[in-house]
Amino acid sequence: MVTKNPFVAILLLALIVMFIWFSVKIRSERRTFIKDKNELIARNAHQADSIRVKNIAFAAKVFSWSVRSEMLRGNTENLNQLFTVFIQESGADLAQLINTGNNTIVLSSDKKYEGTKFEKPANVNLNLQTTTTVPARVTVYTPVMGFNKEIGILKVEFVR
């Protein structure tokens, strides 16, 4: 039938060419779609992570005001309760209060650190709120100021 009618042969050939062309085009579009989707997912994950870091830094700053009030009153029992609630509500993994006079950890949400020495990181300015980021962990250092001098440092840490 194909040899008797050349028009059918041409239509059949055109159909095969169109099928191959559309198959290649769909495959190319699918690759582009997957690449764009992965870029959007990565960008969204990065933005969500940076928003989480900003939220933890803000929460640490506000929390330091409560810590300051309780420190000035000498109310360590309330400080322990504040630390517990802060860890539960903020999503932080560790909160510590460091005495700047002798560089010891006075209070910690993980009690095994209390009384240990605090090793000041080299890249941290403890006079300002500082955020450090390592691949799996973000740490926020917030100074706790008294009336005219620094009375402590609040360290808040969370794992990404």
N, C-alpha and C. Protein backbone atom coordinates (compact mmCIF):
# COMPACT_ATOMS: atom_id res chain seq x y z
N MET A 1 0.81 -1.18 0.00
CA MET A 1 0.00 0.00 0.00
C MET A 1 0.86 1.26 0.00
N VAL A 2 1.95 1.24 0.75
CA VAL A 2 2.83 2.40 0.81
C VAL A 2 3.53 2.61 -0.53
N THR A 3 3.89 1.54 -1.22
CA THR A 3 4.58 1.69 -2.50
C THR A 3 3.62 2.13 -3.60
N LYS A 4 2.35 1.81 -3.46
CA LYS A 4 1.38 2.20 -4.48
C LYS A 4 0.98 3.66 -4.35
N ASN A 5 0.97 4.16 -3.10
CA ASN A 5 0.50 5.53 -2.89
C ASN A 5 1.61 6.32 -2.18
N PRO A 6 2.33 7.20 -2.89
CA PRO A 6 3.43 7.95 -2.28
C PRO A 6 2.94 8.96 -1.24
N PHE A 7 1.71 9.42 -1.36
CA PHE A 7 1.16 10.38 -0.40
C PHE A 7 1.08 9.77 1.00
N VAL A 8 0.69 8.52 1.10
CA VAL A 8 0.63 7.81 2.38
C VAL A 8 2.04 7.67 2.95
N ALA A 9 3.01 7.39 2.12
CA ALA A 9 4.40 7.26 2.57
C ALA A 9 4.90 8.58 3.13
N ILE A 10 4.57 9.67 2.45
CA ILE A 10 5.01 11.00 2.92
C ILE A 10 4.33 11.34 4.25
N LEU A 11 3.03 11.07 4.36
CA LEU A 11 2.32 11.33 5.61
C LEU A 11 2.87 10.46 6.75
N LEU A 12 3.17 9.22 6.47
CA LEU A 12 3.73 8.33 7.48
C LEU A 12 5.11 8.81 7.91
N LEU A 13 5.93 9.24 6.98
CA LEU A 13 7.25 9.77 7.29
C LEU A 13 7.12 11.06 8.10
N ALA A 14 6.20 11.94 7.72
CA ALA A 14 5.97 13.18 8.46
C ALA A 14 5.52 12.89 9.88
N LEU A 15 4.65 11.90 10.03
CA LEU A 15 4.18 11.51 11.36
C LEU A 15 5.33 11.00 12.23
N ILE A 16 6.21 10.21 11.68
CA ILE A 16 7.36 9.69 12.42
C ILE A 16 8.30 10.82 12.82
N VAL A 17 8.56 11.74 11.89
CA VAL A 17 9.44 12.88 12.17
C VAL A 17 8.83 13.75 13.26
N MET A 18 7.52 14.04 13.18
CA MET A 18 6.86 14.86 14.20
C MET A 18 6.90 14.16 15.56
N PHE A 19 6.70 12.85 15.58
CA PHE A 19 6.75 12.10 16.84
C PHE A 19 8.13 12.22 17.48
N ILE A 20 9.17 12.04 16.68
CA ILE A 20 10.54 12.13 17.19
C ILE A 20 10.83 13.56 17.66
N TRP A 21 10.42 14.57 16.85
CA TRP A 21 10.68 15.96 17.22
C TRP A 21 9.97 16.33 18.53
N PHE A 22 8.70 15.95 18.69
CA PHE A 22 7.97 16.26 19.92
C PHE A 22 8.52 15.49 21.11
N SER A 23 8.98 14.28 20.90
CA SER A 23 9.59 13.51 21.99
C SER A 23 10.85 14.20 22.50
N VAL A 24 11.68 14.68 21.57
CA VAL A 24 12.90 15.40 21.95
C VAL A 24 12.54 16.70 22.66
N LYS A 25 11.56 17.41 22.14
CA LYS A 25 11.14 18.68 22.75
C LYS A 25 10.59 18.46 24.16
N ILE A 26 9.78 17.44 24.37
CA ILE A 26 9.23 17.15 25.70
C ILE A 26 10.36 16.77 26.66
N ARG A 27 11.30 15.98 26.21
CA ARG A 27 12.43 15.60 27.06
C ARG A 27 13.24 16.83 27.45
N SER A 28 13.47 17.73 26.49
CA SER A 28 14.21 18.96 26.78
C SER A 28 13.44 19.84 27.78
N GLU A 29 12.14 19.98 27.59
CA GLU A 29 11.32 20.79 28.50
C GLU A 29 11.31 20.17 29.90
N ARG A 30 11.26 18.87 29.98
CA ARG A 30 11.26 18.20 31.28
C ARG A 30 12.57 18.45 32.02
N ARG A 31 13.70 18.39 31.30
CA ARG A 31 14.99 18.68 31.92
C ARG A 31 15.04 20.12 32.43
N THR A 32 14.56 21.06 31.63
CA THR A 32 14.53 22.46 32.04
C THR A 32 13.64 22.65 33.26
N PHE A 33 12.49 21.99 33.27
CA PHE A 33 11.57 22.08 34.40
C PHE A 33 12.21 21.55 35.67
N ILE A 34 12.86 20.41 35.59
CA ILE A 34 13.49 19.82 36.78
C ILE A 34 14.61 20.71 37.29
N LYS A 35 15.40 21.27 36.37
CA LYS A 35 16.49 22.17 36.78
C LYS A 35 15.93 23.41 37.46
N ASP A 36 14.90 24.03 36.88
CA ASP A 36 14.28 25.21 37.48
C ASP A 36 13.64 24.88 38.83
N LYS A 37 13.01 23.74 38.92
CA LYS A 37 12.37 23.33 40.18
C LYS A 37 13.41 23.16 41.27
N ASN A 38 14.53 22.53 40.95
CA ASN A 38 15.59 22.34 41.94
C ASN A 38 16.19 23.67 42.38
N GLU A 39 16.36 24.61 41.46
CA GLU A 39 16.87 25.94 41.81
C GLU A 39 15.90 26.66 42.75
N LEU A 40 14.61 26.57 42.46
CA LEU A 40 13.61 27.21 43.32
C LEU A 40 13.59 26.58 44.71
N ILE A 41 13.70 25.27 44.77
CA ILE A 41 13.71 24.59 46.07
C ILE A 41 14.94 25.01 46.87
N ALA A 42 16.09 25.08 46.23
CA ALA A 42 17.31 25.49 46.93
C ALA A 42 17.21 26.94 47.40
N ARG A 43 16.71 27.82 46.55
CA ARG A 43 16.56 29.23 46.93
C ARG A 43 15.57 29.37 48.08
N ASN A 44 14.47 28.64 48.03
CA ASN A 44 13.47 28.70 49.09
C ASN A 44 14.04 28.17 50.40
N ALA A 45 14.81 27.10 50.35
CA ALA A 45 15.42 26.54 51.56
C ALA A 45 16.40 27.53 52.16
N HIS A 46 17.18 28.21 51.31
CA HIS A 46 18.13 29.21 51.81
C HIS A 46 17.40 30.37 52.46
N GLN A 47 16.32 30.86 51.83
CA GLN A 47 15.56 31.97 52.40
C GLN A 47 14.91 31.56 53.72
N ALA A 48 14.36 30.37 53.79
CA ALA A 48 13.74 29.90 55.03
C ALA A 48 14.77 29.78 56.14
N ASP A 49 15.97 29.32 55.78
CA ASP A 49 17.03 29.20 56.78
C ASP A 49 17.47 30.57 57.28
N SER A 50 17.61 31.53 56.38
CA SER A 50 18.04 32.87 56.82
C SER A 50 16.95 33.54 57.66
N ILE A 51 15.69 33.28 57.35
CA ILE A 51 14.60 33.82 58.16
C ILE A 51 14.63 33.19 59.55
N ARG A 52 14.90 31.90 59.62
CA ARG A 52 14.99 31.23 60.92
C ARG A 52 16.13 31.79 61.75
N VAL A 53 17.26 32.06 61.12
CA VAL A 53 18.41 32.64 61.83
C VAL A 53 18.04 34.02 62.36
N LYS A 54 17.39 34.84 61.55
CA LYS A 54 16.98 36.17 62.00
C LYS A 54 15.99 36.09 63.15
N ASN A 55 15.06 35.14 63.08
CA ASN A 55 14.08 34.99 64.15
C ASN A 55 14.73 34.55 65.46
N ILE A 56 15.68 33.64 65.38
CA ILE A 56 16.39 33.20 66.59
C ILE A 56 17.21 34.35 67.16
N ALA A 57 17.86 35.14 66.30
CA ALA A 57 18.64 36.28 66.78
C ALA A 57 17.73 37.29 67.47
N PHE A 58 16.57 37.55 66.90
CA PHE A 58 15.63 38.48 67.52
C PHE A 58 15.11 37.93 68.84
N ALA A 59 14.76 36.64 68.86
CA ALA A 59 14.28 36.02 70.09
C ALA A 59 15.35 36.06 71.18
N ALA A 60 16.60 35.85 70.80
CA ALA A 60 17.69 35.90 71.78
C ALA A 60 17.85 37.30 72.34
N LYS A 61 17.69 38.31 71.49
CA LYS A 61 17.81 39.69 71.96
C LYS A 61 16.71 40.01 72.97
N VAL A 62 15.48 39.65 72.64
CA VAL A 62 14.37 39.91 73.55
C VAL A 62 14.52 39.08 74.82
N PHE A 63 14.96 37.83 74.67
CA PHE A 63 15.17 36.96 75.83
C PHE A 63 16.24 37.53 76.75
N SER A 64 17.26 38.17 76.17
CA SER A 64 18.33 38.75 77.00
C SER A 64 17.80 39.85 77.90
N TRP A 65 16.75 40.53 77.48
CA TRP A 65 16.15 41.57 78.34
C TRP A 65 15.51 40.93 79.57
N SER A 66 14.85 39.81 79.38
CA SER A 66 14.25 39.09 80.53
C SER A 66 15.35 38.55 81.44
N VAL A 67 16.39 38.02 80.83
CA VAL A 67 17.51 37.51 81.61
C VAL A 67 18.15 38.63 82.42
N ARG A 68 18.31 39.78 81.81
CA ARG A 68 18.88 40.94 82.49
C ARG A 68 18.05 41.30 83.71
N SER A 69 16.73 41.38 83.55
CA SER A 69 15.86 41.75 84.66
C SER A 69 15.99 40.77 85.82
N GLU A 70 15.99 39.50 85.51
CA GLU A 70 16.08 38.49 86.57
C GLU A 70 17.47 38.46 87.20
N MET A 71 18.52 38.74 86.42
CA MET A 71 19.87 38.79 86.98
C MET A 71 20.02 39.95 87.94
N LEU A 72 19.47 41.11 87.57
CA LEU A 72 19.57 42.27 88.45
C LEU A 72 18.82 42.04 89.75
N ARG A 73 17.78 41.25 89.71
CA ARG A 73 17.01 40.92 90.93
C ARG A 73 17.64 39.75 91.68
N GLY A 74 18.58 39.05 91.06
CA GLY A 74 19.20 37.89 91.69
C GLY A 74 18.26 36.69 91.77
N ASN A 75 17.38 36.57 90.81
CA ASN A 75 16.33 35.55 90.83
C ASN A 75 16.71 34.38 89.92
N THR A 76 17.58 33.49 90.40
CA THR A 76 18.07 32.39 89.55
C THR A 76 17.01 31.32 89.31
N GLU A 77 16.06 31.16 90.23
CA GLU A 77 15.00 30.17 90.01
C GLU A 77 14.15 30.55 88.80
N ASN A 78 13.81 31.83 88.69
CA ASN A 78 13.05 32.29 87.51
C ASN A 78 13.89 32.18 86.24
N LEU A 79 15.20 32.39 86.36
CA LEU A 79 16.07 32.25 85.20
C LEU A 79 16.05 30.82 84.67
N ASN A 80 16.08 29.85 85.57
CA ASN A 80 16.01 28.45 85.14
C ASN A 80 14.70 28.17 84.42
N GLN A 81 13.61 28.69 84.95
CA GLN A 81 12.31 28.50 84.30
C GLN A 81 12.27 29.20 82.94
N LEU A 82 12.84 30.42 82.87
CA LEU A 82 12.89 31.14 81.60
C LEU A 82 13.68 30.35 80.55
N PHE A 83 14.80 29.78 80.95
CA PHE A 83 15.61 29.01 80.02
C PHE A 83 14.83 27.81 79.49
N THR A 84 14.13 27.12 80.38
CA THR A 84 13.35 25.95 79.98
C THR A 84 12.27 26.33 78.98
N VAL A 85 11.53 27.38 79.27
CA VAL A 85 10.45 27.81 78.38
C VAL A 85 11.01 28.32 77.06
N PHE A 86 12.12 29.05 77.13
CA PHE A 86 12.73 29.58 75.90
C PHE A 86 13.13 28.46 74.97
N ILE A 87 13.76 27.43 75.50
CA ILE A 87 14.19 26.29 74.68
C ILE A 87 12.98 25.59 74.06
N GLN A 88 11.92 25.42 74.84
CA GLN A 88 10.73 24.73 74.34
C GLN A 88 10.03 25.54 73.25
N GLU A 89 9.94 26.85 73.43
CA GLU A 89 9.12 27.67 72.53
C GLU A 89 9.88 28.20 71.31
N SER A 90 11.16 28.44 71.44
CA SER A 90 11.89 29.11 70.34
C SER A 90 12.44 28.16 69.30
N GLY A 91 12.60 26.90 69.65
CA GLY A 91 13.22 25.97 68.72
C GLY A 91 14.73 25.92 68.85
N ALA A 92 15.28 26.65 69.81
CA ALA A 92 16.72 26.62 70.05
C ALA A 92 17.09 25.29 70.70
N ASP A 93 18.33 24.88 70.53
CA ASP A 93 18.79 23.62 71.10
C ASP A 93 19.56 23.80 72.40
N LEU A 94 20.17 24.98 72.57
CA LEU A 94 20.97 25.22 73.76
C LEU A 94 20.94 26.71 74.08
N ALA A 95 20.78 27.03 75.35
CA ALA A 95 20.88 28.42 75.81
C ALA A 95 21.78 28.41 77.03
N GLN A 96 22.73 29.36 77.06
CA GLN A 96 23.66 29.44 78.17
C GLN A 96 23.84 30.89 78.58
N LEU A 97 24.03 31.09 79.87
CA LEU A 97 24.35 32.41 80.41
C LEU A 97 25.76 32.35 80.95
N ILE A 98 26.62 33.24 80.44
CA ILE A 98 28.03 33.22 80.77
C ILE A 98 28.36 34.44 81.62
N ASN A 99 29.04 34.21 82.72
CA ASN A 99 29.52 35.29 83.58
C ASN A 99 30.79 35.84 82.95
N THR A 100 30.77 37.12 82.59
CA THR A 100 31.93 37.70 81.91
C THR A 100 33.08 37.98 82.87
N GLY A 101 32.81 38.03 84.17
CA GLY A 101 33.87 38.27 85.14
C GLY A 101 34.88 37.14 85.21
N ASN A 102 34.39 35.92 85.25
CA ASN A 102 35.31 34.79 85.37
C ASN A 102 35.18 33.80 84.21
N ASN A 103 34.44 34.16 83.16
CA ASN A 103 34.27 33.33 81.95
C ASN A 103 33.78 31.91 82.26
N THR A 104 32.81 31.80 83.14
CA THR A 104 32.22 30.50 83.41
C THR A 104 30.75 30.52 83.00
N ILE A 105 30.24 29.37 82.68
CA ILE A 105 28.84 29.23 82.31
C ILE A 105 28.04 29.10 83.60
N VAL A 106 27.22 30.11 83.88
CA VAL A 106 26.46 30.17 85.12
C VAL A 106 25.20 29.33 85.02
N LEU A 107 24.46 29.50 83.93
CA LEU A 107 23.22 28.75 83.68
C LEU A 107 23.26 28.18 82.29
N SER A 108 22.68 27.00 82.15
CA SER A 108 22.62 26.37 80.85
C SER A 108 21.36 25.53 80.77
N SER A 109 20.78 25.47 79.58
CA SER A 109 19.63 24.59 79.40
C SER A 109 20.06 23.13 79.48
N ASP A 110 21.32 22.86 79.19
CA ASP A 110 21.91 21.54 79.38
C ASP A 110 22.82 21.64 80.60
N LYS A 111 22.38 21.08 81.71
CA LYS A 111 23.02 21.29 83.02
C LYS A 111 24.46 20.79 83.09
N LYS A 112 24.89 19.94 82.17
CA LYS A 112 26.26 19.43 82.24
C LYS A 112 27.29 20.52 81.95
N TYR A 113 26.87 21.63 81.33
CA TYR A 113 27.80 22.71 81.02
C TYR A 113 27.95 23.72 82.15
N GLU A 114 27.04 23.72 83.11
CA GLU A 114 27.09 24.71 84.19
C GLU A 114 28.37 24.55 84.99
N GLY A 115 29.03 25.67 85.24
CA GLY A 115 30.28 25.68 86.00
C GLY A 115 31.52 25.47 85.17
N THR A 116 31.37 25.17 83.88
CA THR A 116 32.54 24.96 83.03
C THR A 116 33.03 26.29 82.48
N LYS A 117 34.26 26.29 82.00
CA LYS A 117 34.84 27.49 81.42
C LYS A 117 34.26 27.75 80.03
N PHE A 118 34.09 29.02 79.72
CA PHE A 118 33.62 29.44 78.41
C PHE A 118 34.82 29.82 77.56
N GLU A 119 34.93 29.18 76.40
CA GLU A 119 36.00 29.50 75.46
C GLU A 119 35.47 30.49 74.45
N LYS A 120 35.95 31.71 74.51
CA LYS A 120 35.48 32.76 73.60
C LYS A 120 35.99 32.48 72.19
N PRO A 121 35.08 32.39 71.22
CA PRO A 121 35.53 32.23 69.83
C PRO A 121 36.29 33.47 69.36
N ALA A 122 37.24 33.26 68.50
CA ALA A 122 38.10 34.36 68.04
C ALA A 122 37.35 35.37 67.18
N ASN A 123 36.35 34.93 66.42
CA ASN A 123 35.68 35.81 65.47
C ASN A 123 34.42 36.45 66.04
N VAL A 124 34.26 36.48 67.36
CA VAL A 124 33.04 36.99 67.98
C VAL A 124 33.34 38.25 68.76
N ASN A 125 32.58 39.32 68.48
CA ASN A 125 32.65 40.56 69.24
C ASN A 125 31.57 40.46 70.30
N LEU A 126 31.96 40.31 71.56
CA LEU A 126 30.99 40.08 72.62
C LEU A 126 30.34 41.37 73.13
N ASN A 127 30.69 42.51 72.56
CA ASN A 127 30.05 43.77 72.95
C ASN A 127 28.80 44.04 72.13
N LEU A 128 28.62 43.32 71.03
CA LEU A 128 27.45 43.45 70.17
C LEU A 128 26.84 42.07 69.96
N GLN A 129 25.58 42.05 69.57
CA GLN A 129 24.99 40.74 69.25
C GLN A 129 25.67 40.22 68.00
N THR A 130 26.17 39.00 68.09
CA THR A 130 26.93 38.40 67.01
C THR A 130 26.35 37.03 66.68
N THR A 131 26.22 36.75 65.40
CA THR A 131 25.73 35.46 64.95
C THR A 131 26.84 34.77 64.18
N THR A 132 27.16 33.54 64.58
CA THR A 132 28.15 32.75 63.86
C THR A 132 27.46 31.54 63.25
N THR A 133 27.90 31.17 62.07
CA THR A 133 27.29 30.06 61.35
C THR A 133 28.38 29.09 60.91
N VAL A 134 28.21 27.85 61.29
CA VAL A 134 29.03 26.77 60.77
C VAL A 134 28.07 25.87 60.01
N PRO A 135 28.54 24.95 59.19
CA PRO A 135 27.62 24.21 58.33
C PRO A 135 26.38 23.63 59.01
N ALA A 136 26.49 23.14 60.22
CA ALA A 136 25.33 22.49 60.82
C ALA A 136 24.78 23.24 62.04
N ARG A 137 25.39 24.35 62.43
CA ARG A 137 24.99 25.00 63.67
C ARG A 137 25.07 26.52 63.55
N VAL A 138 24.10 27.20 64.18
CA VAL A 138 24.09 28.65 64.25
C VAL A 138 24.13 29.03 65.73
N THR A 139 25.03 29.96 66.09
CA THR A 139 25.16 30.41 67.47
C THR A 139 25.00 31.92 67.51
N VAL A 140 24.18 32.38 68.45
CA VAL A 140 23.95 33.82 68.63
C VAL A 140 24.47 34.19 70.01
N TYR A 141 25.39 35.16 70.04
CA TYR A 141 25.93 35.69 71.29
C TYR A 141 25.32 37.07 71.50
N THR A 142 24.68 37.26 72.66
CA THR A 142 24.04 38.54 72.97
C THR A 142 24.56 39.02 74.31
N PRO A 143 25.12 40.23 74.37
CA PRO A 143 25.57 40.74 75.67
C PRO A 143 24.37 41.09 76.54
N VAL A 144 24.51 40.82 77.84
CA VAL A 144 23.49 41.19 78.82
C VAL A 144 24.10 42.33 79.63
N MET A 145 23.51 43.50 79.46
CA MET A 145 24.08 44.71 80.06
C MET A 145 23.39 45.06 81.37
N GLY A 146 24.19 45.47 82.34
CA GLY A 146 23.66 45.99 83.60
C GLY A 146 23.42 47.48 83.41
N PHE A 147 23.48 48.22 84.50
CA PHE A 147 23.23 49.65 84.40
C PHE A 147 24.36 50.38 83.69
N ASN A 148 25.59 49.98 83.96
CA ASN A 148 26.72 50.67 83.33
C ASN A 148 27.83 49.73 82.88
N LYS A 149 27.61 48.42 82.97
CA LYS A 149 28.63 47.48 82.51
C LYS A 149 27.95 46.18 82.08
N GLU A 150 28.72 45.38 81.36
CA GLU A 150 28.22 44.08 80.92
C GLU A 150 28.21 43.12 82.10
N ILE A 151 27.08 42.44 82.31
CA ILE A 151 27.00 41.50 83.43
C ILE A 151 26.97 40.05 82.98
N GLY A 152 26.90 39.83 81.68
CA GLY A 152 26.90 38.46 81.19
C GLY A 152 26.75 38.40 79.68
N ILE A 153 26.81 37.19 79.17
CA ILE A 153 26.62 36.95 77.74
C ILE A 153 25.60 35.81 77.62
N LEU A 154 24.64 36.00 76.78
CA LEU A 154 23.67 34.95 76.50
C LEU A 154 24.06 34.28 75.19
N LYS A 155 24.23 32.98 75.27
CA LYS A 155 24.61 32.20 74.09
C LYS A 155 23.43 31.29 73.74
N VAL A 156 22.91 31.44 72.52
CA VAL A 156 21.80 30.62 72.04
C VAL A 156 22.28 29.88 70.80
N GLU A 157 22.03 28.58 70.78
CA GLU A 157 22.54 27.76 69.70
C GLU A 157 21.42 26.87 69.15
N PHE A 158 21.40 26.71 67.84
CA PHE A 158 20.47 25.74 67.26
C PHE A 158 21.10 25.06 66.06
N VAL A 159 20.67 23.82 65.88
CA VAL A 159 21.19 23.00 64.79
C VAL A 159 20.27 23.14 63.61
N ARG A 160 20.84 23.30 62.45
CA ARG A 160 20.03 23.46 61.23
C ARG A 160 19.37 22.19 60.84
